[in-house]
Protein backbone atom coordinates (compact mmCIF):
# COMPACT_ATOMS: atom_id res chain seq x y z
CA UNK A 1 78.88 77.70 -14.02
CA UNK A 2 79.31 79.72 -10.73
CA UNK A 3 78.02 83.09 -10.41
CA UNK A 4 78.81 85.49 -7.80
CA UNK A 5 76.01 87.55 -5.76
CA UNK A 6 75.50 90.34 -3.30
CA UNK A 7 72.94 90.15 -0.58
CA UNK A 8 71.18 93.40 0.72
CA UNK A 9 68.47 95.03 2.35
CA UNK A 10 67.65 98.17 0.84
CA UNK A 11 65.84 101.43 2.20
CA UNK A 12 67.49 100.72 5.49
CA UNK A 13 70.53 101.59 7.73
CA UNK A 14 70.58 97.91 10.02
CA UNK A 15 70.13 94.21 9.10
CA UNK A 16 66.93 92.76 8.70
CA UNK A 17 64.85 96.00 7.57
CA UNK A 18 64.05 97.88 4.47
CA UNK A 19 63.72 95.04 1.30
CA UNK A 20 65.97 92.28 0.34
CA UNK A 21 67.93 92.26 -2.84
CA UNK A 22 70.15 89.67 -4.80
CA UNK A 23 72.51 91.28 -7.29
CA UNK A 24 74.24 89.10 -9.57
CA UNK A 25 77.05 92.20 -10.33
CA UNK A 26 78.48 90.09 -13.24
CA UNK A 27 75.87 88.59 -15.22
CA UNK A 28 77.27 88.40 -18.94
CA UNK A 29 75.94 85.60 -20.40
CA UNK A 30 72.75 85.09 -18.48
CA UNK A 31 69.63 84.47 -20.69
CA UNK A 32 66.31 85.61 -19.87
CA UNK A 33 64.95 82.51 -18.96
CA UNK A 34 67.67 81.63 -17.33
CA UNK A 35 67.28 85.10 -14.61
CA UNK A 36 63.96 84.49 -14.51
CA UNK A 37 64.17 81.20 -12.70
CA UNK A 38 66.96 82.48 -10.63
CA UNK A 39 64.93 85.34 -9.62
CA UNK A 40 62.31 82.56 -8.77
CA UNK A 41 65.06 80.93 -6.78
CA UNK A 42 65.98 83.99 -4.89
CA UNK A 43 62.36 84.89 -3.87
CA UNK A 44 62.92 88.03 -2.93
CA UNK A 45 60.80 91.07 -4.21
CA UNK A 46 63.31 91.70 -7.26
CA UNK A 47 66.82 90.21 -8.10
CA UNK A 48 69.08 92.30 -10.52
CA UNK A 49 71.43 91.38 -12.87
CA UNK A 50 74.60 93.71 -13.80
CA UNK A 51 75.78 93.21 -17.40
CA UNK A 52 78.70 95.33 -19.51
CA UNK A 53 77.45 98.29 -20.89
CA UNK A 54 76.22 98.82 -24.66
CA UNK A 55 75.52 102.43 -24.18
CA UNK A 56 77.55 105.59 -22.86
CA UNK A 57 76.03 104.11 -19.01
CA UNK A 58 78.10 102.47 -16.56
CA UNK A 59 76.10 99.37 -16.76
CA UNK A 60 73.11 97.54 -18.04
CA UNK A 61 70.63 96.61 -15.20
CA UNK A 62 68.00 93.88 -15.44
CA UNK A 63 65.49 93.54 -12.83
CA UNK A 64 63.05 90.63 -12.17
CA UNK A 65 60.26 89.92 -9.73
CA UNK A 66 59.90 86.15 -9.41
CA UNK A 67 57.32 86.45 -11.96
CA UNK A 68 58.32 88.77 -14.65
CA UNK A 69 60.77 91.24 -15.63
CA UNK A 70 60.54 94.87 -14.94
CA UNK A 71 61.40 97.86 -16.95
CA UNK A 72 62.61 99.92 -13.74
CA UNK A 73 62.53 99.79 -9.85
CA UNK A 74 63.41 101.56 -6.88
CA UNK A 75 64.95 99.27 -4.42
CA UNK A 76 66.94 97.66 -7.19
CA UNK A 77 68.25 100.20 -8.42
CA UNK A 78 69.33 101.63 -5.36
CA UNK A 79 70.96 98.28 -4.20
CA UNK A 80 72.30 97.62 -7.46
CA UNK A 81 74.66 100.79 -6.93
CA UNK A 82 75.40 99.97 -3.28
CA UNK A 83 76.06 96.36 -4.63
CA UNK A 84 78.69 97.78 -7.69
CA UNK A 85 80.39 100.17 -5.21
CA UNK A 86 80.94 97.09 -2.78
CA UNK A 87 82.24 94.91 -5.47
CA UNK A 88 84.60 97.89 -7.24
CA UNK A 89 82.62 98.73 -10.14
CA UNK A 90 82.56 102.52 -9.00
CA UNK A 91 84.95 104.66 -8.80
CA UNK A 92 85.14 105.91 -4.61
CA UNK A 93 83.92 109.22 -4.88
CA UNK A 94 82.04 109.05 -7.91
CA UNK A 95 79.19 111.96 -7.63
CA UNK A 96 76.72 109.89 -10.04
CA UNK A 97 76.54 106.63 -12.09
CA UNK A 98 74.03 105.87 -14.97
CA UNK A 99 72.35 102.63 -15.28
CA UNK A 100 70.74 101.49 -18.60
CA UNK A 101 67.02 100.15 -16.89
CA UNK A 102 64.64 99.08 -19.40
CA UNK A 103 62.94 102.83 -19.13
CA UNK A 104 66.09 103.87 -20.82
CA UNK A 105 69.44 105.67 -18.91
CA UNK A 106 68.90 106.49 -15.22
CA UNK A 107 70.79 108.55 -12.84
CA UNK A 108 71.56 107.79 -9.62
CA UNK A 109 73.61 110.56 -7.49
CA UNK A 110 76.03 109.40 -4.64
CA UNK A 111 76.82 110.53 -1.72
CA UNK A 112 79.61 108.99 0.13
CA UNK A 113 81.17 108.68 3.70
CA UNK A 114 84.62 108.12 4.68
CA UNK A 115 85.25 106.19 1.43
CA UNK A 116 82.02 104.41 1.68
CA UNK A 117 78.95 104.62 -0.49
CA UNK A 118 76.51 106.03 2.01
CA UNK A 119 73.60 107.58 0.45
CA UNK A 120 72.05 107.54 -3.10
CA UNK A 121 69.41 109.21 -5.28
CA UNK A 122 67.36 107.86 -7.95
CA UNK A 123 66.05 110.30 -10.82
CA UNK A 124 62.72 109.10 -11.97
CA UNK A 125 61.03 109.96 -14.91
CA UNK A 126 57.80 112.82 -14.15
CA UNK A 127 55.14 110.82 -13.64
CA UNK A 128 51.82 110.32 -15.62
CA UNK A 129 48.70 110.58 -14.03
CA UNK A 130 46.45 107.87 -15.55
CA UNK A 131 42.49 106.95 -14.64
CA UNK A 132 40.53 108.17 -11.32
CA UNK A 133 38.76 104.84 -10.10
CA UNK A 134 35.15 104.47 -9.71
CA UNK A 135 33.52 101.45 -7.87
CA UNK A 136 35.45 103.07 -4.71
CA UNK A 137 33.31 100.89 -2.37
CA UNK A 138 33.96 97.28 -4.86
CA UNK A 139 37.97 98.39 -4.07
CA UNK A 140 37.47 99.01 -0.30
CA UNK A 141 36.01 95.16 -0.13
CA UNK A 142 39.12 94.30 -2.58
CA UNK A 143 41.38 95.59 0.19
CA UNK A 144 39.04 94.00 3.20
CA UNK A 145 39.21 98.32 4.40
CA UNK A 146 35.39 99.96 4.88
CA UNK A 147 34.46 102.33 2.47
CA UNK A 148 34.57 104.93 5.05
CA UNK A 149 38.23 104.28 5.36
CA UNK A 150 39.22 105.61 1.82
CA UNK A 151 39.77 109.33 2.01
CA UNK A 152 37.00 110.30 -0.13
CA UNK A 153 36.62 113.65 -1.54
CA UNK A 154 39.70 114.94 -0.47
CA UNK A 155 42.32 113.05 -2.88
CA UNK A 156 41.79 110.47 -5.80
CA UNK A 157 42.56 106.71 -6.02
CA UNK A 158 44.12 107.14 -9.42
CA UNK A 159 47.13 105.42 -11.25
CA UNK A 160 50.05 107.08 -11.81
CA UNK A 161 53.65 105.98 -13.38
CA UNK A 162 57.21 107.06 -13.73
CA UNK A 163 57.51 103.53 -15.56
CA UNK A 164 55.49 100.85 -13.97
CA UNK A 165 52.23 102.21 -13.42
CA UNK A 166 50.81 102.06 -9.41
CA UNK A 167 47.50 102.33 -8.59
CA UNK A 168 47.54 104.69 -5.26
CA UNK A 169 44.64 104.59 -2.65
CA UNK A 170 44.54 107.23 0.34
CA UNK A 171 43.36 105.65 3.98
CA UNK A 172 42.09 108.20 6.69
CA UNK A 173 44.28 106.68 9.07
CA UNK A 174 46.99 104.55 9.89
CA UNK A 175 45.50 101.60 11.38
CA UNK A 176 43.13 101.50 8.15
CA UNK A 177 47.32 100.58 6.20
CA UNK A 178 47.54 98.30 8.33
CA UNK A 179 44.35 96.75 8.22
CA UNK A 180 44.50 96.00 4.36
CA UNK A 181 44.94 92.92 2.52
CA UNK A 182 43.95 91.78 -0.67
CA UNK A 183 41.14 89.94 -2.10
CA UNK A 184 42.40 88.77 -5.37
CA UNK A 185 39.50 88.08 -7.26
CA UNK A 186 37.71 91.07 -5.68
CA UNK A 187 40.83 93.20 -7.08
CA UNK A 188 40.37 91.58 -10.75
CA UNK A 189 36.80 92.36 -10.39
CA UNK A 190 37.20 96.19 -9.70
CA UNK A 191 40.05 96.43 -12.14
CA UNK A 192 37.91 94.50 -14.51
CA UNK A 193 34.43 97.34 -13.86
CA UNK A 194 37.23 100.35 -14.31
CA UNK A 195 37.90 98.47 -17.39
CA UNK A 196 41.42 98.55 -16.73
CA UNK A 197 44.32 96.27 -16.43
CA UNK A 198 45.14 94.56 -12.76
CA UNK A 199 47.73 97.14 -11.32
CA UNK A 200 49.97 96.62 -8.14
CA UNK A 201 48.08 98.52 -5.25
CA UNK A 202 49.82 101.26 -3.03
CA UNK A 203 47.76 102.07 0.36
CA UNK A 204 48.77 104.85 2.02
CA UNK A 205 47.71 107.63 5.08
CA UNK A 206 49.03 110.88 6.14
CA UNK A 207 47.99 110.53 9.57
CA UNK A 208 50.99 112.06 11.27
CA UNK A 209 52.95 109.79 14.19
CA UNK A 210 56.08 110.62 16.27
CA UNK A 211 58.13 108.82 13.70
CA UNK A 212 58.38 111.97 11.51
CA UNK A 213 57.31 110.32 8.44
CA UNK A 214 55.70 112.06 5.66
CA UNK A 215 53.32 108.92 4.37
CA UNK A 216 52.65 105.75 6.11
CA UNK A 217 52.47 103.12 3.31
CA UNK A 218 52.18 99.52 2.01
CA UNK A 219 52.37 98.29 -0.99
CA UNK A 220 50.63 94.57 -2.87
CA UNK A 221 51.62 93.43 -6.13
CA UNK A 222 50.00 90.57 -6.61
CA UNK A 223 50.57 90.28 -10.39
CA UNK A 224 54.07 90.75 -10.06
CA UNK A 225 54.39 87.40 -7.50
CA UNK A 226 54.82 89.37 -4.79
CA UNK A 227 52.05 89.40 -2.07
CA UNK A 228 53.54 92.60 -0.45
CA UNK A 229 56.59 94.85 -0.75
CA UNK A 230 58.31 96.66 1.95
CA UNK A 231 59.84 99.27 0.05
CA UNK A 232 58.55 100.30 -3.21
CA UNK A 233 61.05 102.94 -4.51
CA UNK A 234 59.34 102.62 -8.04
CA UNK A 235 56.19 103.72 -6.48
CA UNK A 236 57.51 106.08 -3.95
CA UNK A 237 58.54 108.82 -7.05
CA UNK A 238 54.86 108.76 -8.19
CA UNK A 239 53.32 108.73 -4.61
CA UNK A 240 55.61 112.48 -3.84
CA UNK A 241 54.29 113.56 -7.14
CA UNK A 242 50.64 112.76 -6.68
CA UNK A 243 50.39 114.10 -3.23
CA UNK A 244 51.92 117.57 -5.07
CA UNK A 245 49.57 117.54 -7.45
CA UNK A 246 46.42 117.05 -5.52
CA UNK A 247 47.70 119.81 -2.93
CA UNK A 248 48.34 117.32 -0.11
CA UNK A 249 51.66 119.01 0.53
CA UNK A 250 53.64 121.89 -0.43
CA UNK A 251 55.55 122.82 -3.36
CA UNK A 252 58.44 123.44 -0.22
CA UNK A 253 57.22 120.21 1.84
CA UNK A 254 57.10 118.10 -1.16
CA UNK A 255 61.32 118.35 -1.63
CA UNK A 256 62.03 116.79 1.78
CA UNK A 257 59.27 113.85 1.93
CA UNK A 258 59.63 110.31 3.85
CA UNK A 259 57.90 107.17 3.09
CA UNK A 260 57.53 104.48 5.99
CA UNK A 261 56.60 101.53 4.58
CA UNK A 262 56.95 97.74 5.75
CA UNK A 263 55.89 98.14 9.14
CA UNK A 264 53.32 95.63 9.22
CA UNK A 265 55.67 92.84 7.39
CA UNK A 266 58.33 93.70 10.46
CA UNK A 267 60.51 95.03 7.95
CA UNK A 268 60.10 99.12 8.26
CA UNK A 269 61.54 100.87 5.35
CA UNK A 270 62.81 104.63 4.68
CA UNK A 271 62.09 106.14 1.71
CA UNK A 272 63.03 109.58 1.06
CA UNK A 273 61.00 111.33 -1.45
CA UNK A 274 62.13 114.82 -3.04
CA UNK A 275 59.78 116.92 -5.62
CA UNK A 276 61.11 119.55 -7.19
CA UNK A 277 58.94 122.10 -9.14
CA UNK A 278 58.89 125.99 -10.56
CA UNK A 279 55.56 127.61 -11.38
CA UNK A 280 53.35 124.81 -10.44
CA UNK A 281 55.39 122.61 -13.00
CA UNK A 282 57.11 119.43 -11.33
CA UNK A 283 60.79 119.88 -12.95
CA UNK A 284 62.40 116.72 -11.36
CA UNK A 285 61.75 113.64 -8.98
CA UNK A 286 63.86 111.97 -7.22
CA UNK A 287 63.73 108.98 -4.19
CA UNK A 288 66.66 108.25 -2.33
CA UNK A 289 68.13 105.60 0.59
CA UNK A 290 70.60 103.57 1.71
CA UNK A 291 71.78 99.79 2.12
CA UNK A 292 72.99 97.31 4.27
CA UNK A 293 74.97 94.44 2.93
CA UNK A 294 74.07 91.19 4.64
CA UNK A 295 76.76 88.74 2.81
CA UNK A 296 77.22 87.14 -0.35
CA UNK A 297 77.68 84.00 -2.14
CA UNK A 298 77.68 81.79 -5.07
CA UNK A 299 74.75 79.99 -7.35
CA UNK A 300 75.54 76.75 -8.97
CA UNK A 301 74.02 77.87 -12.38
CA UNK A 302 73.01 76.13 -15.27
CA UNK A 303 73.48 77.75 -19.32
CA UNK A 304 70.52 76.85 -19.90
CA UNK A 305 66.79 76.23 -18.57
CA UNK A 306 64.56 73.35 -20.28
């Protein structure tokens, strides 16, 4: 059974940057176990599968990493919309599309140039703020930085989620972000000491440079089968909300932020973040970017997996 897929680089404006994604735009009939094996075979951070809508949404979309299904994610949502536009599943010039994800209906706002989709904004759920980490010295060892590299006192090490929880770790300088790596055993011990399940770890620095990025970042998710992710849209909305909540950016600055991720992997990614608020209360969180199509092809997919 041949299945068509589209290969994109997401949160990039040219090939071989951003985060790779495989989109299967006509996935009707595929079982969960088959989709998981396809995601393992593609070996990208995520692979998405588009189904006919079972609701008022334009389509149902399921997202898989090489090891598990996710209820939502940013770069797969943005990339899937670009693939659907290329595949004729979205009308040219449509101002928005709604995808049914595991977290529910998700609105994506579209910008077009000369009949081509040029930018997409994903509306994310207002983030929830979770535990503030203890044993930060232990965390420093687990991500192979010095305790002094973690920006103590200014910003907390904290869990934040818009559907998928991440642990946000502020580092004082960009060179510490570049030095970071994961000792999986030590990381598990750190989460155990905090009485928490293992989470993906998002490290970042607010140190400015000449690239105009608000944040310089990396994300490690070994529990998802992702040693490192070059662009993490699902973490970027919560990141923007975290920065606003803890006073790292003003309300005005929060409406136009940019995260530069994936540099250490040789896949620089630009993720636009916009958090609007009124009277100190967050009103809307959006994450946006563009995508480049690298190619397409077919997989000979068995109808069942044993």
